[in-house]
Amino acid sequence: MNDFDYQQLDDVIHSRIRLALMALLISVEEAEFNFLKEKVNATDGNLSVHLKKLEEANYISVKKEFIDRKPKTVYSLTKTGIKAFELYVAQLEKLIKK
């Protein structure tokens, strides 16, 4: 039980919505804002705040463009984000195996 240190969990990821976003993004190459919004069942504003926090941590990248005058925002995990998520999952596994 000496290794039981829940404080090692990444605070950026350890939020229900951000964890859901990371789990979704690890399973796809990229995802549009509305897809993420639908999957995590969040409002535009709430989702934007969580995506911004992940972006500030360099866990996700954001690509914005216009298609037929309509904005399209696409998100994907960065290498840093992939490593952080893998570490987060490993730390969780370590906690539950004790």
N, C-alpha and C. Protein backbone atom coordinates (compact mmCIF):
# COMPACT_ATOMS: atom_id res chain seq x y z
N MET A 1 0.81 -1.20 0.00
CA MET A 1 0.00 0.00 0.00
C MET A 1 0.85 1.27 0.00
N ASN A 2 2.17 1.11 0.00
CA ASN A 2 3.07 2.27 0.02
C ASN A 2 2.97 3.13 -1.23
N ASP A 3 2.64 2.51 -2.37
CA ASP A 3 2.58 3.25 -3.64
C ASP A 3 1.23 3.91 -3.88
N PHE A 4 0.31 3.81 -2.94
CA PHE A 4 -1.02 4.39 -3.12
C PHE A 4 -0.95 5.90 -2.96
N ASP A 5 -0.77 6.59 -4.06
CA ASP A 5 -0.64 8.04 -4.04
C ASP A 5 -1.53 8.64 -5.13
N TYR A 6 -2.77 8.86 -4.78
CA TYR A 6 -3.74 9.40 -5.74
C TYR A 6 -3.37 10.80 -6.21
N GLN A 7 -2.51 11.48 -5.47
CA GLN A 7 -2.12 12.83 -5.85
C GLN A 7 -1.21 12.84 -7.08
N GLN A 8 -0.78 11.68 -7.51
CA GLN A 8 0.03 11.58 -8.72
C GLN A 8 -0.82 11.68 -9.99
N LEU A 9 -2.15 11.59 -9.84
CA LEU A 9 -3.03 11.70 -11.00
C LEU A 9 -2.98 13.12 -11.56
N ASP A 10 -2.96 13.21 -12.85
CA ASP A 10 -2.88 14.49 -13.57
C ASP A 10 -4.17 15.28 -13.36
N ASP A 11 -4.06 16.43 -12.69
CA ASP A 11 -5.23 17.26 -12.41
C ASP A 11 -5.89 17.81 -13.67
N VAL A 12 -5.12 17.99 -14.72
CA VAL A 12 -5.70 18.50 -15.98
C VAL A 12 -6.65 17.46 -16.55
N ILE A 13 -6.26 16.21 -16.52
CA ILE A 13 -7.10 15.14 -17.08
C ILE A 13 -8.19 14.72 -16.09
N HIS A 14 -7.91 14.80 -14.80
CA HIS A 14 -8.80 14.25 -13.78
C HIS A 14 -10.03 15.12 -13.54
N SER A 15 -10.83 15.23 -14.54
CA SER A 15 -12.14 15.90 -14.51
C SER A 15 -13.01 15.05 -15.42
N ARG A 16 -14.24 14.86 -15.05
CA ARG A 16 -15.08 13.95 -15.85
C ARG A 16 -15.10 14.32 -17.33
N ILE A 17 -15.32 15.58 -17.61
CA ILE A 17 -15.43 15.98 -19.02
C ILE A 17 -14.08 15.89 -19.71
N ARG A 18 -13.01 16.36 -19.08
CA ARG A 18 -11.70 16.29 -19.73
C ARG A 18 -11.24 14.84 -19.89
N LEU A 19 -11.53 14.00 -18.92
CA LEU A 19 -11.20 12.59 -19.05
C LEU A 19 -11.97 11.97 -20.21
N ALA A 20 -13.24 12.30 -20.33
CA ALA A 20 -14.05 11.79 -21.44
C ALA A 20 -13.50 12.29 -22.78
N LEU A 21 -13.09 13.54 -22.84
CA LEU A 21 -12.53 14.09 -24.08
C LEU A 21 -11.24 13.38 -24.46
N MET A 22 -10.38 13.17 -23.48
CA MET A 22 -9.12 12.48 -23.76
C MET A 22 -9.38 11.05 -24.23
N ALA A 23 -10.31 10.37 -23.58
CA ALA A 23 -10.64 8.99 -23.96
C ALA A 23 -11.22 8.94 -25.37
N LEU A 24 -12.04 9.90 -25.72
CA LEU A 24 -12.59 9.96 -27.08
C LEU A 24 -11.48 10.23 -28.10
N LEU A 25 -10.66 11.21 -27.80
CA LEU A 25 -9.63 11.61 -28.76
C LEU A 25 -8.53 10.57 -28.94
N ILE A 26 -8.29 9.75 -27.93
CA ILE A 26 -7.25 8.72 -28.08
C ILE A 26 -7.74 7.63 -29.04
N SER A 27 -9.06 7.53 -29.20
CA SER A 27 -9.62 6.47 -30.03
C SER A 27 -9.90 6.89 -31.47
N VAL A 28 -9.70 8.16 -31.78
CA VAL A 28 -9.92 8.67 -33.14
C VAL A 28 -8.74 9.54 -33.55
N GLU A 29 -8.57 9.74 -34.83
CA GLU A 29 -7.48 10.59 -35.30
C GLU A 29 -7.75 12.05 -34.97
N GLU A 30 -9.00 12.46 -35.17
CA GLU A 30 -9.43 13.81 -34.87
C GLU A 30 -10.94 13.82 -34.72
N ALA A 31 -11.47 14.88 -34.09
CA ALA A 31 -12.91 14.96 -33.88
C ALA A 31 -13.35 16.42 -33.93
N GLU A 32 -14.52 16.64 -34.51
CA GLU A 32 -15.09 17.97 -34.58
C GLU A 32 -15.75 18.35 -33.26
N PHE A 33 -15.88 19.64 -33.05
CA PHE A 33 -16.47 20.18 -31.83
C PHE A 33 -17.84 19.57 -31.55
N ASN A 34 -18.72 19.56 -32.55
CA ASN A 34 -20.08 19.06 -32.33
C ASN A 34 -20.11 17.57 -31.99
N PHE A 35 -19.21 16.80 -32.54
CA PHE A 35 -19.11 15.38 -32.20
C PHE A 35 -18.75 15.23 -30.73
N LEU A 36 -17.75 15.98 -30.28
CA LEU A 36 -17.33 15.92 -28.88
C LEU A 36 -18.46 16.40 -27.97
N LYS A 37 -19.11 17.46 -28.38
CA LYS A 37 -20.22 18.01 -27.59
C LYS A 37 -21.32 16.97 -27.40
N GLU A 38 -21.65 16.28 -28.46
CA GLU A 38 -22.70 15.26 -28.40
C GLU A 38 -22.28 14.08 -27.52
N LYS A 39 -21.04 13.64 -27.67
CA LYS A 39 -20.56 12.47 -26.94
C LYS A 39 -20.44 12.72 -25.43
N VAL A 40 -20.01 13.90 -25.04
CA VAL A 40 -19.84 14.17 -23.61
C VAL A 40 -21.05 14.87 -23.00
N ASN A 41 -22.01 15.20 -23.85
CA ASN A 41 -23.26 15.81 -23.39
C ASN A 41 -23.00 17.09 -22.59
N ALA A 42 -22.25 18.00 -23.21
CA ALA A 42 -21.90 19.26 -22.56
C ALA A 42 -22.45 20.43 -23.36
N THR A 43 -22.58 21.56 -22.70
CA THR A 43 -22.98 22.78 -23.41
C THR A 43 -21.78 23.32 -24.18
N ASP A 44 -22.02 24.20 -25.12
CA ASP A 44 -20.93 24.81 -25.89
C ASP A 44 -19.91 25.46 -24.97
N GLY A 45 -20.41 26.27 -24.03
CA GLY A 45 -19.52 27.01 -23.15
C GLY A 45 -18.70 26.10 -22.24
N ASN A 46 -19.35 25.12 -21.65
CA ASN A 46 -18.66 24.19 -20.76
C ASN A 46 -17.61 23.39 -21.52
N LEU A 47 -17.98 22.91 -22.68
CA LEU A 47 -17.04 22.14 -23.49
C LEU A 47 -15.85 23.00 -23.90
N SER A 48 -16.11 24.23 -24.29
CA SER A 48 -15.04 25.15 -24.70
C SER A 48 -14.03 25.38 -23.59
N VAL A 49 -14.51 25.53 -22.37
CA VAL A 49 -13.63 25.76 -21.21
C VAL A 49 -12.72 24.55 -21.02
N HIS A 50 -13.28 23.35 -21.08
CA HIS A 50 -12.48 22.14 -20.88
C HIS A 50 -11.50 21.91 -22.02
N LEU A 51 -11.92 22.17 -23.24
CA LEU A 51 -11.01 22.03 -24.39
C LEU A 51 -9.87 23.03 -24.29
N LYS A 52 -10.17 24.24 -23.85
CA LYS A 52 -9.14 25.26 -23.70
C LYS A 52 -8.10 24.83 -22.66
N LYS A 53 -8.55 24.24 -21.57
CA LYS A 53 -7.62 23.79 -20.53
C LYS A 53 -6.70 22.69 -21.08
N LEU A 54 -7.25 21.78 -21.87
CA LEU A 54 -6.44 20.72 -22.49
C LEU A 54 -5.47 21.31 -23.51
N GLU A 55 -5.93 22.32 -24.24
CA GLU A 55 -5.07 22.98 -25.23
C GLU A 55 -3.92 23.72 -24.53
N GLU A 56 -4.21 24.41 -23.44
CA GLU A 56 -3.17 25.14 -22.70
C GLU A 56 -2.11 24.20 -22.13
N ALA A 57 -2.50 22.97 -21.82
CA ALA A 57 -1.55 21.98 -21.32
C ALA A 57 -0.80 21.29 -22.46
N ASN A 58 -1.11 21.68 -23.69
CA ASN A 58 -0.53 21.09 -24.91
C ASN A 58 -0.90 19.61 -25.06
N TYR A 59 -2.08 19.25 -24.55
CA TYR A 59 -2.56 17.87 -24.68
C TYR A 59 -3.36 17.67 -25.97
N ILE A 60 -3.93 18.77 -26.47
CA ILE A 60 -4.68 18.68 -27.73
C ILE A 60 -4.24 19.80 -28.66
N SER A 61 -4.45 19.57 -29.95
CA SER A 61 -4.23 20.63 -30.93
C SER A 61 -5.58 20.97 -31.54
N VAL A 62 -5.68 22.21 -32.00
CA VAL A 62 -6.93 22.72 -32.54
C VAL A 62 -6.68 23.22 -33.95
N LYS A 63 -7.54 22.80 -34.86
CA LYS A 63 -7.46 23.26 -36.24
C LYS A 63 -8.80 23.89 -36.59
N LYS A 64 -8.77 25.18 -36.95
CA LYS A 64 -9.99 25.89 -37.31
C LYS A 64 -9.93 26.26 -38.78
N GLU A 65 -11.06 26.04 -39.44
CA GLU A 65 -11.14 26.40 -40.86
C GLU A 65 -12.60 26.72 -41.20
N PHE A 66 -12.79 27.25 -42.38
CA PHE A 66 -14.13 27.52 -42.88
C PHE A 66 -14.38 26.65 -44.09
N ILE A 67 -15.53 26.01 -44.11
CA ILE A 67 -15.95 25.21 -45.25
C ILE A 67 -17.31 25.73 -45.67
N ASP A 68 -17.36 26.24 -46.90
CA ASP A 68 -18.60 26.88 -47.40
C ASP A 68 -19.12 27.93 -46.42
N ARG A 69 -18.20 28.75 -45.95
CA ARG A 69 -18.50 29.86 -45.04
C ARG A 69 -18.94 29.43 -43.65
N LYS A 70 -18.84 28.15 -43.36
CA LYS A 70 -19.21 27.66 -42.03
C LYS A 70 -17.94 27.27 -41.27
N PRO A 71 -17.85 27.69 -40.01
CA PRO A 71 -16.66 27.34 -39.24
C PRO A 71 -16.63 25.85 -38.90
N LYS A 72 -15.44 25.30 -38.95
CA LYS A 72 -15.23 23.90 -38.58
C LYS A 72 -14.00 23.86 -37.66
N THR A 73 -14.19 23.32 -36.47
CA THR A 73 -13.10 23.20 -35.51
C THR A 73 -12.87 21.73 -35.23
N VAL A 74 -11.62 21.32 -35.41
CA VAL A 74 -11.25 19.91 -35.24
C VAL A 74 -10.16 19.82 -34.18
N TYR A 75 -10.30 18.82 -33.32
CA TYR A 75 -9.37 18.61 -32.22
C TYR A 75 -8.69 17.26 -32.37
N SER A 76 -7.44 17.20 -31.95
CA SER A 76 -6.72 15.92 -31.93
C SER A 76 -5.71 15.96 -30.78
N LEU A 77 -5.34 14.77 -30.33
CA LEU A 77 -4.34 14.68 -29.27
C LEU A 77 -2.95 14.97 -29.82
N THR A 78 -2.15 15.63 -29.04
CA THR A 78 -0.74 15.83 -29.38
C THR A 78 0.05 14.65 -28.83
N LYS A 79 1.32 14.58 -29.18
CA LYS A 79 2.17 13.53 -28.61
C LYS A 79 2.24 13.68 -27.09
N THR A 80 2.30 14.91 -26.63
CA THR A 80 2.30 15.18 -25.19
C THR A 80 1.01 14.68 -24.55
N GLY A 81 -0.11 14.91 -25.22
CA GLY A 81 -1.40 14.47 -24.72
C GLY A 81 -1.52 12.96 -24.67
N ILE A 82 -1.00 12.29 -25.68
CA ILE A 82 -1.03 10.83 -25.71
C ILE A 82 -0.21 10.28 -24.54
N LYS A 83 0.99 10.83 -24.36
CA LYS A 83 1.84 10.37 -23.25
C LYS A 83 1.18 10.64 -21.90
N ALA A 84 0.58 11.81 -21.75
CA ALA A 84 -0.08 12.16 -20.48
C ALA A 84 -1.26 11.23 -20.20
N PHE A 85 -2.02 10.90 -21.23
CA PHE A 85 -3.17 10.01 -21.04
C PHE A 85 -2.70 8.60 -20.70
N GLU A 86 -1.68 8.13 -21.39
CA GLU A 86 -1.15 6.80 -21.09
C GLU A 86 -0.62 6.73 -19.66
N LEU A 87 0.06 7.78 -19.20
CA LEU A 87 0.56 7.84 -17.83
C LEU A 87 -0.60 7.87 -16.83
N TYR A 88 -1.62 8.64 -17.15
CA TYR A 88 -2.81 8.74 -16.29
C TYR A 88 -3.44 7.35 -16.11
N VAL A 89 -3.62 6.64 -17.22
CA VAL A 89 -4.22 5.30 -17.16
C VAL A 89 -3.32 4.35 -16.37
N ALA A 90 -2.02 4.43 -16.58
CA ALA A 90 -1.08 3.58 -15.84
C ALA A 90 -1.15 3.86 -14.34
N GLN A 91 -1.27 5.14 -13.99
CA GLN A 91 -1.36 5.50 -12.57
C GLN A 91 -2.66 4.99 -11.96
N LEU A 92 -3.74 5.07 -12.71
CA LEU A 92 -5.02 4.53 -12.23
C LEU A 92 -4.92 3.03 -12.00
N GLU A 93 -4.31 2.35 -12.97
CA GLU A 93 -4.14 0.89 -12.83
C GLU A 93 -3.32 0.56 -11.60
N LYS A 94 -2.31 1.34 -11.35
CA LYS A 94 -1.46 1.13 -10.18
C LYS A 94 -2.27 1.30 -8.89
N LEU A 95 -3.15 2.28 -8.88
CA LEU A 95 -3.97 2.54 -7.70
C LEU A 95 -4.96 1.40 -7.44
N ILE A 96 -5.57 0.89 -8.50
CA ILE A 96 -6.62 -0.12 -8.29
C ILE A 96 -6.04 -1.51 -8.08
N LYS A 97 -4.79 -1.73 -8.43
CA LYS A 97 -4.17 -3.06 -8.24
C LYS A 97 -3.66 -3.24 -6.82
N LYS A 98 -3.71 -2.21 -6.02
CA LYS A 98 -3.21 -2.30 -4.64
C LYS A 98 -4.25 -2.90 -3.73
